[in-house]
Amino acid sequence: MQSGRILAIDYGSVRMGLAVSDPLGLTAQGLPTLERTNKQADLGRISQLAADYSVAEVIVGHPISAKGEDTEMSRRVARFADELRAGLGLRVLLWDERLTSLEADRALKESGASRGARRRARDRMAAQILLQSYLDRRAYEREHTPARAEP
């Protein structure tokens, strides 16, 4: 198992939602949303966050269709993930993000946040939900995978 935090990115054309795990990899905390400028600046900001939080792994929300098929946006996200791998030298995984934005919208609406506040917080919340689903899956797999005997 890797040591270090996990950074989650909810990729968007205008903004990227960001979240990071706690040091134990149990919970996801939202980070300020990255307002996109240009690819080089965006990658620089993500690289700085990875260093600041001692990130060992990055997950990027993969926006596949409801039928599980690639879309133009999912191909764009896959290219972005490739650029992150090359630029950061870290493990970068694509993680199914279907329904994370809907879950974020619902949670924010239920919180009573105004429409403007929901719009500003949506990307961060989607990244948190994305990361928490990944952390929960990892924990489930650890609990339900038989231990291997050492040779």
N, C-alpha and C. Protein backbone atom coordinates (compact mmCIF):
# COMPACT_ATOMS: atom_id res chain seq x y z
N MET A 1 0.84 -1.19 0.00
CA MET A 1 0.00 0.00 0.00
C MET A 1 0.88 1.24 0.00
N GLN A 2 0.49 2.25 -0.79
CA GLN A 2 1.31 3.45 -0.87
C GLN A 2 1.12 4.30 0.37
N SER A 3 2.15 5.09 0.72
CA SER A 3 1.98 6.04 1.80
C SER A 3 1.88 7.42 1.16
N GLY A 4 1.12 8.27 1.75
CA GLY A 4 0.88 9.59 1.20
C GLY A 4 -0.59 9.76 0.90
N ARG A 5 -0.95 10.97 0.65
CA ARG A 5 -2.36 11.30 0.42
C ARG A 5 -2.75 11.06 -1.04
N ILE A 6 -4.05 11.11 -1.25
CA ILE A 6 -4.60 10.95 -2.59
C ILE A 6 -5.30 12.24 -2.96
N LEU A 7 -5.01 12.74 -4.13
CA LEU A 7 -5.63 13.95 -4.66
C LEU A 7 -6.66 13.54 -5.69
N ALA A 8 -7.85 14.12 -5.60
CA ALA A 8 -8.91 13.85 -6.58
C ALA A 8 -9.17 15.12 -7.38
N ILE A 9 -9.42 14.92 -8.66
CA ILE A 9 -9.69 16.04 -9.56
C ILE A 9 -10.98 15.76 -10.32
N ASP A 10 -11.92 16.70 -10.20
CA ASP A 10 -13.14 16.68 -11.00
C ASP A 10 -12.88 17.67 -12.14
N TYR A 11 -12.46 17.12 -13.28
CA TYR A 11 -12.00 17.91 -14.42
C TYR A 11 -13.16 18.62 -15.10
N GLY A 12 -12.94 19.90 -15.41
CA GLY A 12 -13.92 20.66 -16.17
C GLY A 12 -13.20 21.63 -17.08
N SER A 13 -13.89 22.12 -18.08
CA SER A 13 -13.29 23.04 -19.05
C SER A 13 -13.00 24.40 -18.44
N VAL A 14 -13.79 24.82 -17.46
CA VAL A 14 -13.64 26.13 -16.84
C VAL A 14 -13.03 26.04 -15.45
N ARG A 15 -13.43 25.02 -14.69
CA ARG A 15 -12.96 24.82 -13.32
C ARG A 15 -12.65 23.36 -13.08
N MET A 16 -11.79 23.13 -12.08
CA MET A 16 -11.53 21.78 -11.62
C MET A 16 -11.81 21.73 -10.13
N GLY A 17 -12.69 20.81 -9.75
CA GLY A 17 -12.92 20.56 -8.34
C GLY A 17 -11.77 19.72 -7.81
N LEU A 18 -11.35 20.00 -6.59
CA LEU A 18 -10.21 19.30 -6.00
C LEU A 18 -10.56 18.83 -4.60
N ALA A 19 -10.04 17.68 -4.23
CA ALA A 19 -10.17 17.14 -2.88
C ALA A 19 -8.92 16.33 -2.57
N VAL A 20 -8.63 16.21 -1.30
CA VAL A 20 -7.46 15.44 -0.87
C VAL A 20 -7.87 14.56 0.31
N SER A 21 -7.26 13.39 0.38
CA SER A 21 -7.55 12.49 1.50
C SER A 21 -6.80 12.95 2.74
N ASP A 22 -7.28 12.47 3.89
CA ASP A 22 -6.52 12.66 5.11
C ASP A 22 -5.27 11.76 5.02
N PRO A 23 -4.29 11.94 5.91
CA PRO A 23 -3.07 11.14 5.80
C PRO A 23 -3.28 9.62 5.88
N LEU A 24 -4.35 9.18 6.55
CA LEU A 24 -4.62 7.74 6.66
C LEU A 24 -5.40 7.19 5.48
N GLY A 25 -5.88 8.06 4.60
CA GLY A 25 -6.64 7.61 3.44
C GLY A 25 -8.04 7.14 3.79
N LEU A 26 -8.66 7.78 4.80
CA LEU A 26 -10.00 7.38 5.23
C LEU A 26 -11.08 8.35 4.78
N THR A 27 -10.77 9.65 4.79
CA THR A 27 -11.78 10.65 4.47
C THR A 27 -11.27 11.64 3.43
N ALA A 28 -12.22 12.25 2.74
CA ALA A 28 -11.91 13.23 1.70
C ALA A 28 -12.27 14.64 2.19
N GLN A 29 -11.38 15.58 1.97
CA GLN A 29 -11.63 16.98 2.29
C GLN A 29 -11.53 17.79 1.01
N GLY A 30 -12.48 18.69 0.82
CA GLY A 30 -12.46 19.55 -0.36
C GLY A 30 -11.37 20.60 -0.26
N LEU A 31 -10.83 20.96 -1.41
CA LEU A 31 -9.85 22.03 -1.53
C LEU A 31 -10.48 23.13 -2.38
N PRO A 32 -9.91 24.34 -2.35
CA PRO A 32 -10.46 25.39 -3.21
C PRO A 32 -10.46 24.96 -4.68
N THR A 33 -11.51 25.34 -5.37
CA THR A 33 -11.67 25.01 -6.78
C THR A 33 -10.60 25.73 -7.60
N LEU A 34 -10.06 25.02 -8.56
CA LEU A 34 -9.06 25.58 -9.47
C LEU A 34 -9.77 26.21 -10.66
N GLU A 35 -9.66 27.53 -10.76
CA GLU A 35 -10.19 28.23 -11.93
C GLU A 35 -9.16 28.06 -13.04
N ARG A 36 -9.55 27.45 -14.14
CA ARG A 36 -8.63 27.13 -15.22
C ARG A 36 -8.12 28.41 -15.90
N THR A 37 -6.85 28.40 -16.27
CA THR A 37 -6.27 29.49 -17.05
C THR A 37 -5.70 28.92 -18.34
N ASN A 38 -4.60 28.19 -18.21
CA ASN A 38 -4.02 27.48 -19.35
C ASN A 38 -3.41 26.18 -18.83
N LYS A 39 -3.14 25.28 -19.74
CA LYS A 39 -2.68 23.94 -19.36
C LYS A 39 -1.43 23.98 -18.48
N GLN A 40 -0.45 24.78 -18.87
CA GLN A 40 0.80 24.84 -18.12
C GLN A 40 0.56 25.35 -16.69
N ALA A 41 -0.22 26.40 -16.55
CA ALA A 41 -0.51 26.95 -15.22
C ALA A 41 -1.33 25.96 -14.39
N ASP A 42 -2.30 25.31 -15.02
CA ASP A 42 -3.12 24.33 -14.32
C ASP A 42 -2.27 23.18 -13.79
N LEU A 43 -1.39 22.65 -14.65
CA LEU A 43 -0.52 21.55 -14.23
C LEU A 43 0.45 22.00 -13.14
N GLY A 44 0.91 23.24 -13.23
CA GLY A 44 1.80 23.78 -12.19
C GLY A 44 1.11 23.87 -10.84
N ARG A 45 -0.13 24.33 -10.86
CA ARG A 45 -0.90 24.44 -9.60
C ARG A 45 -1.15 23.05 -9.02
N ILE A 46 -1.49 22.10 -9.84
CA ILE A 46 -1.73 20.73 -9.36
C ILE A 46 -0.44 20.12 -8.83
N SER A 47 0.66 20.37 -9.50
CA SER A 47 1.96 19.88 -9.05
C SER A 47 2.30 20.47 -7.67
N GLN A 48 2.02 21.74 -7.48
CA GLN A 48 2.29 22.39 -6.19
C GLN A 48 1.42 21.79 -5.09
N LEU A 49 0.14 21.55 -5.39
CA LEU A 49 -0.74 20.91 -4.42
C LEU A 49 -0.24 19.51 -4.06
N ALA A 50 0.19 18.77 -5.06
CA ALA A 50 0.71 17.42 -4.82
C ALA A 50 1.91 17.47 -3.88
N ALA A 51 2.78 18.45 -4.07
CA ALA A 51 3.94 18.59 -3.19
C ALA A 51 3.52 19.05 -1.79
N ASP A 52 2.63 20.05 -1.72
CA ASP A 52 2.19 20.59 -0.43
C ASP A 52 1.52 19.54 0.44
N TYR A 53 0.77 18.64 -0.17
CA TYR A 53 0.02 17.64 0.58
C TYR A 53 0.69 16.26 0.58
N SER A 54 1.90 16.16 0.08
CA SER A 54 2.61 14.88 0.02
C SER A 54 1.75 13.81 -0.64
N VAL A 55 1.25 14.14 -1.82
CA VAL A 55 0.36 13.25 -2.56
C VAL A 55 1.16 12.11 -3.18
N ALA A 56 0.63 10.89 -3.06
CA ALA A 56 1.27 9.71 -3.64
C ALA A 56 0.51 9.20 -4.85
N GLU A 57 -0.75 9.62 -4.99
CA GLU A 57 -1.60 9.09 -6.04
C GLU A 57 -2.65 10.14 -6.39
N VAL A 58 -3.06 10.16 -7.64
CA VAL A 58 -4.07 11.10 -8.11
C VAL A 58 -5.18 10.31 -8.79
N ILE A 59 -6.42 10.65 -8.48
CA ILE A 59 -7.53 10.09 -9.24
C ILE A 59 -8.23 11.23 -9.96
N VAL A 60 -8.64 10.95 -11.17
CA VAL A 60 -9.32 11.94 -11.99
C VAL A 60 -10.68 11.37 -12.37
N GLY A 61 -11.71 12.15 -12.16
CA GLY A 61 -13.06 11.72 -12.51
C GLY A 61 -13.17 11.44 -13.99
N HIS A 62 -13.65 10.25 -14.32
CA HIS A 62 -13.77 9.82 -15.72
C HIS A 62 -15.23 9.90 -16.14
N PRO A 63 -15.56 10.88 -16.97
CA PRO A 63 -16.96 11.11 -17.32
C PRO A 63 -17.46 10.23 -18.47
N ILE A 64 -17.54 8.93 -18.20
CA ILE A 64 -18.07 8.03 -19.23
C ILE A 64 -19.59 8.18 -19.28
N SER A 65 -20.18 7.75 -20.36
CA SER A 65 -21.62 7.88 -20.53
C SER A 65 -22.38 6.97 -19.57
N ALA A 66 -23.67 7.18 -19.46
CA ALA A 66 -24.51 6.35 -18.60
C ALA A 66 -24.45 4.88 -19.00
N LYS A 67 -24.16 4.64 -20.28
CA LYS A 67 -24.04 3.26 -20.78
C LYS A 67 -22.63 2.70 -20.58
N GLY A 68 -21.73 3.49 -19.99
CA GLY A 68 -20.37 3.03 -19.75
C GLY A 68 -19.44 3.19 -20.94
N GLU A 69 -19.80 4.05 -21.88
CA GLU A 69 -19.00 4.24 -23.09
C GLU A 69 -18.22 5.55 -23.03
N ASP A 70 -17.13 5.59 -23.79
CA ASP A 70 -16.34 6.81 -23.89
C ASP A 70 -17.14 7.90 -24.58
N THR A 71 -16.81 9.14 -24.19
CA THR A 71 -17.39 10.32 -24.82
C THR A 71 -16.22 11.23 -25.21
N GLU A 72 -16.50 12.30 -25.90
CA GLU A 72 -15.44 13.25 -26.23
C GLU A 72 -14.80 13.79 -24.95
N MET A 73 -15.62 14.09 -23.94
CA MET A 73 -15.07 14.60 -22.68
C MET A 73 -14.26 13.53 -21.98
N SER A 74 -14.67 12.28 -22.01
CA SER A 74 -13.89 11.23 -21.33
C SER A 74 -12.54 11.05 -22.03
N ARG A 75 -12.50 11.22 -23.34
CA ARG A 75 -11.21 11.14 -24.05
C ARG A 75 -10.32 12.33 -23.68
N ARG A 76 -10.92 13.51 -23.53
CA ARG A 76 -10.15 14.70 -23.12
C ARG A 76 -9.58 14.50 -21.72
N VAL A 77 -10.39 13.93 -20.83
CA VAL A 77 -9.94 13.67 -19.46
C VAL A 77 -8.81 12.63 -19.46
N ALA A 78 -8.92 11.61 -20.29
CA ALA A 78 -7.86 10.59 -20.37
C ALA A 78 -6.54 11.22 -20.84
N ARG A 79 -6.61 12.14 -21.79
CA ARG A 79 -5.39 12.84 -22.23
C ARG A 79 -4.81 13.68 -21.09
N PHE A 80 -5.68 14.35 -20.35
CA PHE A 80 -5.24 15.13 -19.20
C PHE A 80 -4.56 14.24 -18.16
N ALA A 81 -5.13 13.07 -17.90
CA ALA A 81 -4.54 12.12 -16.95
C ALA A 81 -3.15 11.68 -17.42
N ASP A 82 -2.99 11.46 -18.73
CA ASP A 82 -1.67 11.12 -19.28
C ASP A 82 -0.67 12.24 -19.03
N GLU A 83 -1.11 13.49 -19.21
CA GLU A 83 -0.23 14.63 -18.98
C GLU A 83 0.15 14.73 -17.50
N LEU A 84 -0.80 14.44 -16.61
CA LEU A 84 -0.50 14.44 -15.18
C LEU A 84 0.53 13.37 -14.84
N ARG A 85 0.36 12.16 -15.37
CA ARG A 85 1.33 11.08 -15.13
C ARG A 85 2.73 11.52 -15.52
N ALA A 86 2.83 12.09 -16.72
CA ALA A 86 4.14 12.51 -17.22
C ALA A 86 4.71 13.67 -16.39
N GLY A 87 3.86 14.60 -16.02
CA GLY A 87 4.32 15.78 -15.30
C GLY A 87 4.59 15.57 -13.83
N LEU A 88 3.81 14.72 -13.19
CA LEU A 88 3.95 14.51 -11.75
C LEU A 88 4.81 13.32 -11.38
N GLY A 89 4.88 12.34 -12.28
CA GLY A 89 5.60 11.12 -11.96
C GLY A 89 4.90 10.31 -10.88
N LEU A 90 3.59 10.46 -10.78
CA LEU A 90 2.79 9.73 -9.79
C LEU A 90 1.82 8.80 -10.49
N ARG A 91 1.28 7.87 -9.73
CA ARG A 91 0.21 7.02 -10.25
C ARG A 91 -1.03 7.89 -10.42
N VAL A 92 -1.62 7.85 -11.59
CA VAL A 92 -2.83 8.61 -11.89
C VAL A 92 -3.87 7.63 -12.43
N LEU A 93 -5.00 7.57 -11.76
CA LEU A 93 -6.08 6.65 -12.15
C LEU A 93 -7.30 7.42 -12.61
N LEU A 94 -8.00 6.86 -13.57
CA LEU A 94 -9.31 7.38 -13.95
C LEU A 94 -10.34 6.65 -13.10
N TRP A 95 -11.29 7.39 -12.52
CA TRP A 95 -12.30 6.80 -11.65
C TRP A 95 -13.67 7.25 -12.12
N ASP A 96 -14.55 6.30 -12.30
CA ASP A 96 -15.91 6.57 -12.79
C ASP A 96 -16.58 7.65 -11.95
N GLU A 97 -16.96 8.73 -12.60
CA GLU A 97 -17.57 9.84 -11.87
C GLU A 97 -19.07 9.98 -12.13
N ARG A 98 -19.65 8.98 -12.77
CA ARG A 98 -21.09 9.08 -13.03
C ARG A 98 -21.84 9.38 -11.75
N LEU A 99 -22.71 10.32 -11.83
CA LEU A 99 -23.61 10.73 -10.75
C LEU A 99 -22.97 11.57 -9.65
N THR A 100 -21.66 11.82 -9.67
CA THR A 100 -21.06 12.61 -8.59
C THR A 100 -21.59 14.04 -8.61
N SER A 101 -21.75 14.64 -9.78
CA SER A 101 -22.27 16.01 -9.83
C SER A 101 -23.72 16.07 -9.36
N LEU A 102 -24.51 15.06 -9.71
CA LEU A 102 -25.89 15.01 -9.24
C LEU A 102 -25.94 14.85 -7.72
N GLU A 103 -25.07 14.00 -7.18
CA GLU A 103 -25.00 13.83 -5.72
C GLU A 103 -24.59 15.13 -5.04
N ALA A 104 -23.61 15.82 -5.63
CA ALA A 104 -23.16 17.10 -5.08
C ALA A 104 -24.29 18.12 -5.10
N ASP A 105 -25.00 18.22 -6.22
CA ASP A 105 -26.13 19.15 -6.30
C ASP A 105 -27.18 18.85 -5.25
N ARG A 106 -27.52 17.57 -5.10
CA ARG A 106 -28.53 17.18 -4.13
C ARG A 106 -28.10 17.52 -2.70
N ALA A 107 -26.85 17.20 -2.36
CA ALA A 107 -26.35 17.47 -1.01
C ALA A 107 -26.34 18.97 -0.72
N LEU A 108 -25.92 19.76 -1.70
CA LEU A 108 -25.87 21.21 -1.50
C LEU A 108 -27.27 21.80 -1.41
N LYS A 109 -28.18 21.30 -2.20
CA LYS A 109 -29.57 21.78 -2.15
C LYS A 109 -30.19 21.46 -0.79
N GLU A 110 -29.95 20.22 -0.32
CA GLU A 110 -30.48 19.82 0.97
C GLU A 110 -29.88 20.63 2.12
N SER A 111 -28.67 21.15 1.92
CA SER A 111 -28.03 21.95 2.96
C SER A 111 -28.66 23.33 3.09
N GLY A 112 -29.48 23.70 2.11
CA GLY A 112 -30.11 25.01 2.14
C GLY A 112 -29.27 26.11 1.52
N ALA A 113 -28.19 25.74 0.89
CA ALA A 113 -27.32 26.74 0.25
C ALA A 113 -28.06 27.42 -0.90
N SER A 114 -27.77 28.70 -1.09
CA SER A 114 -28.39 29.44 -2.19
C SER A 114 -27.91 28.88 -3.53
N ARG A 115 -28.62 29.22 -4.58
CA ARG A 115 -28.25 28.73 -5.91
C ARG A 115 -26.82 29.17 -6.27
N GLY A 116 -26.46 30.40 -5.99
CA GLY A 116 -25.11 30.88 -6.28
C GLY A 116 -24.05 30.14 -5.48
N ALA A 117 -24.33 29.91 -4.19
CA ALA A 117 -23.39 29.17 -3.35
C ALA A 117 -23.25 27.74 -3.83
N ARG A 118 -24.36 27.13 -4.26
CA ARG A 118 -24.30 25.75 -4.78
C ARG A 118 -23.44 25.69 -6.02
N ARG A 119 -23.60 26.65 -6.89
CA ARG A 119 -22.84 26.66 -8.14
C ARG A 119 -21.33 26.76 -7.84
N ARG A 120 -20.96 27.60 -6.86
CA ARG A 120 -19.55 27.77 -6.52
C ARG A 120 -18.97 26.54 -5.83
N ALA A 121 -19.79 25.83 -5.05
CA ALA A 121 -19.28 24.70 -4.27
C ALA A 121 -19.41 23.36 -4.99
N ARG A 122 -20.13 23.31 -6.09
CA ARG A 122 -20.45 22.05 -6.76
C ARG A 122 -19.21 21.26 -7.17
N ASP A 123 -18.24 21.91 -7.79
CA ASP A 123 -17.04 21.20 -8.28
C ASP A 123 -16.23 20.61 -7.13
N ARG A 124 -16.08 21.39 -6.05
CA ARG A 124 -15.34 20.89 -4.88
C ARG A 124 -16.07 19.70 -4.27
N MET A 125 -17.38 19.82 -4.13
CA MET A 125 -18.18 18.74 -3.54
C MET A 125 -18.13 17.49 -4.42
N ALA A 126 -18.18 17.67 -5.74
CA ALA A 126 -18.10 16.52 -6.65
C ALA A 126 -16.75 15.82 -6.49
N ALA A 127 -15.68 16.59 -6.34
CA ALA A 127 -14.35 15.99 -6.13
C ALA A 127 -14.30 15.23 -4.81
N GLN A 128 -14.93 15.78 -3.77
CA GLN A 128 -14.98 15.09 -2.48
C GLN A 128 -15.73 13.78 -2.59
N ILE A 129 -16.86 13.80 -3.27
CA ILE A 129 -17.67 12.58 -3.43
C ILE A 129 -16.89 11.55 -4.25
N LEU A 130 -16.24 12.00 -5.30
CA LEU A 130 -15.42 11.13 -6.14
C LEU A 130 -14.35 10.45 -5.29
N LEU A 131 -13.62 11.24 -4.53
CA LEU A 131 -12.54 10.70 -3.71
C LEU A 131 -13.07 9.78 -2.62
N GLN A 132 -14.16 10.17 -1.97
CA GLN A 132 -14.69 9.32 -0.90
C GLN A 132 -15.15 7.98 -1.45
N SER A 133 -15.72 7.97 -2.66
CA SER A 133 -16.12 6.69 -3.25
C SER A 133 -14.91 5.81 -3.51
N TYR A 134 -13.81 6.41 -3.94
CA TYR A 134 -12.57 5.67 -4.17
C TYR A 134 -12.02 5.12 -2.85
N LEU A 135 -11.98 5.97 -1.82
CA LEU A 135 -11.47 5.54 -0.52
C LEU A 135 -12.33 4.42 0.08
N ASP A 136 -13.65 4.56 -0.06
CA ASP A 136 -14.55 3.52 0.46
C ASP A 136 -14.35 2.20 -0.27
N ARG A 137 -14.17 2.26 -1.59
CA ARG A 137 -13.95 1.04 -2.37
C ARG A 137 -12.65 0.36 -1.97
N ARG A 138 -11.61 1.18 -1.78
CA ARG A 138 -10.32 0.64 -1.35
C ARG A 138 -10.43 -0.05 0.01
N ALA A 139 -11.14 0.59 0.94
CA ALA A 139 -11.32 0.02 2.28
C ALA A 139 -12.10 -1.29 2.19
N TYR A 140 -13.15 -1.31 1.37
CA TYR A 140 -13.95 -2.52 1.19
C TYR A 140 -13.09 -3.66 0.64
N GLU A 141 -12.29 -3.36 -0.38
CA GLU A 141 -11.43 -4.39 -0.98
C GLU A 141 -10.40 -4.91 0.01
N ARG A 142 -9.85 -4.04 0.85
CA ARG A 142 -8.89 -4.49 1.86
C ARG A 142 -9.56 -5.43 2.86
N GLU A 143 -10.79 -5.10 3.24
CA GLU A 143 -11.51 -5.93 4.22
C GLU A 143 -11.95 -7.27 3.64
N HIS A 144 -12.19 -7.32 2.34
CA HIS A 144 -12.76 -8.52 1.73
C HIS A 144 -11.79 -9.29 0.83
N THR A 145 -10.53 -8.96 0.91
CA THR A 145 -9.52 -9.69 0.15
C THR A 145 -8.73 -10.55 1.12
N PRO A 146 -8.70 -11.84 0.89
CA PRO A 146 -7.96 -12.72 1.80
C PRO A 146 -6.47 -12.35 1.82
N ALA A 147 -5.91 -12.42 2.99
CA ALA A 147 -4.48 -12.15 3.13
C ALA A 147 -3.68 -13.27 2.50
N ARG A 148 -2.60 -12.92 1.83
CA ARG A 148 -1.74 -13.93 1.22
C ARG A 148 -0.63 -14.31 2.20
N ALA A 149 -0.31 -15.57 2.22
CA ALA A 149 0.78 -16.05 3.07
C ALA A 149 2.11 -15.66 2.43
N GLU A 150 3.04 -15.26 3.25
CA GLU A 150 4.38 -14.93 2.77
C GLU A 150 5.11 -16.21 2.38
N PRO A 151 5.84 -16.21 1.27
CA PRO A 151 6.58 -17.40 0.86
C PRO A 151 7.77 -17.69 1.75
